[in-house]
Amino acid sequence: MGEKDYVTDPLKLSFSGTVPFDVLYKTMNNWVLKRYKYDMLKELEHNTVKKKEGKDLFIKWRAFRKITDYVTYTIEIELKISDMVEVKRKGSSKKWYKGKFDFLFNAYVLKDYEDRWSKHALTKFMRELSDRFLTGSKFDEYEAELLGELQKFIAEIKAFLGVQKVA
């Protein structure tokens, strides 16, 4: 496995209210794949637990975008919905769900994602020297670009939900 350089601490977003969840799910998927042009979006986990008060839903996504033969951008998204119940909305044909929505976002630049330089001690040492002294400023640019994309993505989700504050 390559080396991960996280661009920020995990960012949280919480929202309690009513949402057309199917629309939110598809919209987030489209933003990642079409707007930000990530190569792949994997759903790593999708669990539902039914309870008396509603259901709890947990979804975990990981999005990848190849930048060079050595670097990829990765964004991880976790969504936990507690006490999710379907509600009727007058004049709407969409399904609306009420609950507490907790998002957790992580982003990192993954170097040597194909593990070409980590197999032997000497090549790993050469990679670390190169990363630090020859291409270090380029990695700073990559990290800044990825952080900007993550912040825009979160802002779009906040706008969709009508939320004003990140926790």
C-alpha atoms as a PDB file:
ATOM      1  CA  MET A   1       0.000   0.000   0.000  1.00  0.00           C
ATOM      2  CA  GLY A   2       1.248   3.442  -0.816  1.00  0.00           C
ATOM      3  CA  GLU A   3       1.728   6.338   1.537  1.00  0.00           C
ATOM      4  CA  LYS A   4      -1.300   8.419   2.571  1.00  0.00           C
ATOM      5  CA  ASP A   5      -0.952  12.162   3.150  1.00  0.00           C
ATOM      6  CA  TYR A   6      -4.165  13.382   4.788  1.00  0.00           C
ATOM      7  CA  VAL A   7      -5.092  16.920   3.774  1.00  0.00           C
ATOM      8  CA  THR A   8      -7.158  17.658   6.897  1.00  0.00           C
ATOM      9  CA  ASP A   9      -8.529  16.121  10.040  1.00  0.00           C
ATOM     10  CA  PRO A  10     -11.851  14.362   9.453  1.00  0.00           C
ATOM     11  CA  LEU A  11     -14.597  16.928   8.774  1.00  0.00           C
ATOM     12  CA  LYS A  12     -18.062  16.432  10.225  1.00  0.00           C
ATOM     13  CA  LEU A  13     -21.430  17.676   9.100  1.00  0.00           C
ATOM     14  CA  SER A  14     -24.617  17.024  11.068  1.00  0.00           C
ATOM     15  CA  PHE A  15     -28.195  17.690  10.038  1.00  0.00           C
ATOM     16  CA  SER A  16     -31.525  16.846  11.616  1.00  0.00           C
ATOM     17  CA  GLY A  17     -34.543  17.198   9.411  1.00  0.00           C
ATOM     18  CA  THR A  18     -36.387  15.958   6.367  1.00  0.00           C
ATOM     19  CA  VAL A  19     -34.594  15.103   3.123  1.00  0.00           C
ATOM     20  CA  PRO A  20     -35.481  13.439  -0.186  1.00  0.00           C
ATOM     21  CA  PHE A  21     -32.833  10.804   0.545  1.00  0.00           C
ATOM     22  CA  ASP A  22     -32.908   9.098  -2.869  1.00  0.00           C
ATOM     23  CA  VAL A  23     -32.226  12.460  -4.518  1.00  0.00           C
ATOM     24  CA  LEU A  24     -29.411  13.255  -2.055  1.00  0.00           C
ATOM     25  CA  TYR A  25     -27.804   9.858  -2.659  1.00  0.00           C
ATOM     26  CA  LYS A  26     -27.894  10.195  -6.463  1.00  0.00           C
ATOM     27  CA  THR A  27     -26.805  13.837  -6.357  1.00  0.00           C
ATOM     28  CA  MET A  28     -23.763  13.093  -4.195  1.00  0.00           C
ATOM     29  CA  ASN A  29     -22.848  10.222  -6.507  1.00  0.00           C
ATOM     30  CA  ASN A  30     -23.158  12.475  -9.590  1.00  0.00           C
ATOM     31  CA  TRP A  31     -21.123  15.276  -8.012  1.00  0.00           C
ATOM     32  CA  VAL A  32     -18.252  12.932  -7.247  1.00  0.00           C
ATOM     33  CA  LEU A  33     -18.215  11.160 -10.611  1.00  0.00           C
ATOM     34  CA  LYS A  34     -19.272  13.912 -13.014  1.00  0.00           C
ATOM     35  CA  ARG A  35     -18.522  17.295 -11.455  1.00  0.00           C
ATOM     36  CA  TYR A  36     -15.236  16.350  -9.788  1.00  0.00           C
ATOM     37  CA  LYS A  37     -14.441  13.675 -12.395  1.00  0.00           C
ATOM     38  CA  TYR A  38     -13.382  10.926 -10.008  1.00  0.00           C
ATOM     39  CA  ASP A  39     -12.612   7.677 -11.809  1.00  0.00           C
ATOM     40  CA  MET A  40     -14.435   5.416  -9.393  1.00  0.00           C
ATOM     41  CA  LEU A  41     -16.779   5.582  -6.436  1.00  0.00           C
ATOM     42  CA  LYS A  42     -16.937   2.389  -4.369  1.00  0.00           C
ATOM     43  CA  GLU A  43     -19.586   1.704  -1.817  1.00  0.00           C
ATOM     44  CA  LEU A  44     -17.605  -0.111   0.861  1.00  0.00           C
ATOM     45  CA  GLU A  45     -20.439  -0.569   3.336  1.00  0.00           C
ATOM     46  CA  HIS A  46     -24.215  -0.269   3.369  1.00  0.00           C
ATOM     47  CA  ASN A  47     -25.936  -1.465   6.542  1.00  0.00           C
ATOM     48  CA  THR A  48     -29.507  -1.025   7.718  1.00  0.00           C
ATOM     49  CA  VAL A  49     -30.782  -1.797  11.214  1.00  0.00           C
ATOM     50  CA  LYS A  50     -34.543  -1.665  11.795  1.00  0.00           C
ATOM     51  CA  LYS A  51     -35.770  -0.365  15.154  1.00  0.00           C
ATOM     52  CA  LYS A  52     -39.084   0.705  16.675  1.00  0.00           C
ATOM     53  CA  GLU A  53     -38.343   4.427  16.153  1.00  0.00           C
ATOM     54  CA  GLY A  54     -37.306   3.921  12.532  1.00  0.00           C
ATOM     55  CA  LYS A  55     -34.183   2.517  11.009  1.00  0.00           C
ATOM     56  CA  ASP A  56     -30.498   3.315  11.241  1.00  0.00           C
ATOM     57  CA  LEU A  57     -28.551   3.429   8.003  1.00  0.00           C
ATOM     58  CA  PHE A  58     -24.782   3.469   7.548  1.00  0.00           C
ATOM     59  CA  ILE A  59     -23.098   4.045   4.192  1.00  0.00           C
ATOM     60  CA  LYS A  60     -19.376   4.296   3.486  1.00  0.00           C
ATOM     61  CA  TRP A  61     -17.997   5.448   0.127  1.00  0.00           C
ATOM     62  CA  ARG A  62     -14.466   5.808  -1.197  1.00  0.00           C
ATOM     63  CA  ALA A  63     -13.788   7.844  -4.339  1.00  0.00           C
ATOM     64  CA  PHE A  64     -10.521   7.644  -6.327  1.00  0.00           C
ATOM     65  CA  ARG A  65      -9.078   9.874  -9.016  1.00  0.00           C
ATOM     66  CA  LYS A  66      -5.792   9.118 -10.719  1.00  0.00           C
ATOM     67  CA  ILE A  67      -3.676  12.265 -11.008  1.00  0.00           C
ATOM     68  CA  THR A  68      -0.389  10.752 -12.232  1.00  0.00           C
ATOM     69  CA  ASP A  69       1.100   7.260 -12.446  1.00  0.00           C
ATOM     70  CA  TYR A  70       2.287   7.844  -8.885  1.00  0.00           C
ATOM     71  CA  VAL A  71      -0.482   9.892  -7.217  1.00  0.00           C
ATOM     72  CA  THR A  72      -4.230   9.481  -6.654  1.00  0.00           C
ATOM     73  CA  TYR A  73      -6.727  11.594  -4.779  1.00  0.00           C
ATOM     74  CA  THR A  74      -8.986   9.732  -2.376  1.00  0.00           C
ATOM     75  CA  ILE A  75     -12.088  11.000  -0.606  1.00  0.00           C
ATOM     76  CA  GLU A  76     -13.845   8.863   1.988  1.00  0.00           C
ATOM     77  CA  ILE A  77     -17.437   9.639   2.945  1.00  0.00           C
ATOM     78  CA  GLU A  78     -19.360   8.079   5.794  1.00  0.00           C
ATOM     79  CA  LEU A  79     -23.055   8.755   6.282  1.00  0.00           C
ATOM     80  CA  LYS A  80     -24.906   7.605   9.370  1.00  0.00           C
ATOM     81  CA  ILE A  81     -28.643   8.227   9.553  1.00  0.00           C
ATOM     82  CA  SER A  82     -30.342   7.612  12.887  1.00  0.00           C
ATOM     83  CA  ASP A  83     -34.072   7.077  13.456  1.00  0.00           C
ATOM     84  CA  MET A  84     -34.887   7.369   9.757  1.00  0.00           C
ATOM     85  CA  VAL A  85     -38.602   7.302   8.959  1.00  0.00           C
ATOM     86  CA  GLU A  86     -40.466   7.987   5.743  1.00  0.00           C
ATOM     87  CA  VAL A  87     -42.711  11.061   5.839  1.00  0.00           C
ATOM     88  CA  LYS A  88     -45.288  12.324   3.366  1.00  0.00           C
ATOM     89  CA  ARG A  89     -44.850  15.740   1.815  1.00  0.00           C
ATOM     90  CA  LYS A  90     -47.823  17.501   0.314  1.00  0.00           C
ATOM     91  CA  GLY A  91     -47.466  17.969  -3.421  1.00  0.00           C
ATOM     92  CA  SER A  92     -44.305  15.871  -3.737  1.00  0.00           C
ATOM     93  CA  SER A  93     -44.011  12.548  -5.522  1.00  0.00           C
ATOM     94  CA  LYS A  94     -40.530  11.922  -4.045  1.00  0.00           C
ATOM     95  CA  LYS A  95     -39.950   9.906  -0.901  1.00  0.00           C
ATOM     96  CA  TRP A  96     -38.881  12.110   2.003  1.00  0.00           C
ATOM     97  CA  TYR A  97     -37.125  10.821   5.094  1.00  0.00           C
ATOM     98  CA  LYS A  98     -36.808  12.376   8.501  1.00  0.00           C
ATOM     99  CA  GLY A  99     -33.851  11.623  10.763  1.00  0.00           C
ATOM    100  CA  LYS A 100     -30.477  12.696  12.053  1.00  0.00           C
ATOM    101  CA  PHE A 101     -27.859  12.738   9.299  1.00  0.00           C
ATOM    102  CA  ASP A 102     -24.182  12.604  10.317  1.00  0.00           C
ATOM    103  CA  PHE A 103     -21.538  12.902   7.606  1.00  0.00           C
ATOM    104  CA  LEU A 104     -17.815  12.285   8.094  1.00  0.00           C
ATOM    105  CA  PHE A 105     -15.372  13.290   5.332  1.00  0.00           C
ATOM    106  CA  ASN A 106     -11.724  12.334   4.968  1.00  0.00           C
ATOM    107  CA  ALA A 107      -9.379  13.084   2.087  1.00  0.00           C
ATOM    108  CA  TYR A 108      -5.825  12.094   1.315  1.00  0.00           C
ATOM    109  CA  VAL A 109      -3.256  12.055  -1.454  1.00  0.00           C
ATOM    110  CA  LEU A 110      -2.093   8.482  -1.992  1.00  0.00           C
ATOM    111  CA  LYS A 111       1.482   8.245  -3.251  1.00  0.00           C
ATOM    112  CA  ASP A 112       2.867   5.114  -4.917  1.00  0.00           C
ATOM    113  CA  TYR A 113      -0.603   3.606  -5.063  1.00  0.00           C
ATOM    114  CA  GLU A 114       0.606   0.653  -7.140  1.00  0.00           C
ATOM    115  CA  ASP A 115       3.359  -0.163  -4.617  1.00  0.00           C
ATOM    116  CA  ARG A 116       6.101  -0.015  -7.209  1.00  0.00           C
ATOM    117  CA  TRP A 117       8.546   1.771  -4.912  1.00  0.00           C
ATOM    118  CA  SER A 118       7.797   0.055  -1.599  1.00  0.00           C
ATOM    119  CA  LYS A 119       8.833  -3.499  -2.365  1.00  0.00           C
ATOM    120  CA  HIS A 120      12.514  -3.150  -1.442  1.00  0.00           C
ATOM    121  CA  ALA A 121      14.215  -1.088   1.231  1.00  0.00           C
ATOM    122  CA  LEU A 122      16.514   0.716  -1.233  1.00  0.00           C
ATOM    123  CA  THR A 123      13.732   1.748  -3.625  1.00  0.00           C
ATOM    124  CA  LYS A 124      11.574   2.828  -0.694  1.00  0.00           C
ATOM    125  CA  PHE A 125      14.433   4.998   0.595  1.00  0.00           C
ATOM    126  CA  MET A 126      14.924   6.508  -2.895  1.00  0.00           C
ATOM    127  CA  ARG A 127      11.192   7.233  -3.109  1.00  0.00           C
ATOM    128  CA  GLU A 128      11.199   8.993   0.251  1.00  0.00           C
ATOM    129  CA  LEU A 129      14.207  11.123  -0.771  1.00  0.00           C
ATOM    130  CA  SER A 130      12.537  12.034  -4.042  1.00  0.00           C
ATOM    131  CA  ASP A 131       9.220  12.851  -2.366  1.00  0.00           C
ATOM    132  CA  ARG A 132      10.845  15.052   0.224  1.00  0.00           C
ATOM    133  CA  PHE A 133      13.532  16.916  -1.720  1.00  0.00           C
ATOM    134  CA  LEU A 134      12.646  16.803  -5.422  1.00  0.00           C
ATOM    135  CA  THR A 135       8.855  16.841  -5.669  1.00  0.00           C
ATOM    136  CA  GLY A 136       7.769  18.047  -2.224  1.00  0.00           C
ATOM    137  CA  SER A 137       6.293  21.334  -3.462  1.00  0.00           C
ATOM    138  CA  LYS A 138       4.226  19.493  -6.075  1.00  0.00           C
ATOM    139  CA  PHE A 139       2.677  17.375  -3.315  1.00  0.00           C
ATOM    140  CA  ASP A 140       1.788  20.574  -1.452  1.00  0.00           C
ATOM    141  CA  GLU A 141      -0.109  21.681  -4.583  1.00  0.00           C
ATOM    142  CA  TYR A 142      -1.884  18.320  -4.811  1.00  0.00           C
ATOM    143  CA  GLU A 143      -2.925  18.516  -1.160  1.00  0.00           C
ATOM    144  CA  ALA A 144      -4.218  22.071  -1.551  1.00  0.00           C
ATOM    145  CA  GLU A 145      -6.220  21.111  -4.659  1.00  0.00           C
ATOM    146  CA  LEU A 146      -7.768  18.072  -2.957  1.00  0.00           C
ATOM    147  CA  LEU A 147      -8.644  20.073   0.161  1.00  0.00           C
ATOM    148  CA  GLY A 148     -10.336  22.683  -2.053  1.00  0.00           C
ATOM    149  CA  GLU A 149     -12.385  19.985  -3.799  1.00  0.00           C
ATOM    150  CA  LEU A 150     -13.422  18.471  -0.473  1.00  0.00           C
ATOM    151  CA  GLN A 151     -14.485  21.854   0.893  1.00  0.00           C
ATOM    152  CA  LYS A 152     -16.532  22.596  -2.255  1.00  0.00           C
ATOM    153  CA  PHE A 153     -18.174  19.169  -2.051  1.00  0.00           C
ATOM    154  CA  ILE A 154     -19.141  19.726   1.594  1.00  0.00           C
ATOM    155  CA  ALA A 155     -20.446  23.211   0.754  1.00  0.00           C
ATOM    156  CA  GLU A 156     -22.662  21.708  -1.974  1.00  0.00           C
ATOM    157  CA  ILE A 157     -24.068  19.122   0.443  1.00  0.00           C
ATOM    158  CA  LYS A 158     -24.696  21.874   3.010  1.00  0.00           C
ATOM    159  CA  ALA A 159     -26.506  23.923   0.354  1.00  0.00           C
ATOM    160  CA  PHE A 160     -28.600  20.902  -0.620  1.00  0.00           C
ATOM    161  CA  LEU A 161     -29.545  20.348   3.018  1.00  0.00           C
ATOM    162  CA  GLY A 162     -29.877  24.036   3.858  1.00  0.00           C
ATOM    163  CA  VAL A 163     -27.299  23.702   6.650  1.00  0.00           C
ATOM    164  CA  GLN A 164     -25.247  26.686   7.789  1.00  0.00           C
ATOM    165  CA  LYS A 165     -22.629  25.211  10.135  1.00  0.00           C
ATOM    166  CA  VAL A 166     -20.099  22.353  10.044  1.00  0.00           C
ATOM    167  CA  ALA A 167     -19.538  20.682  13.410  1.00  0.00           C
END
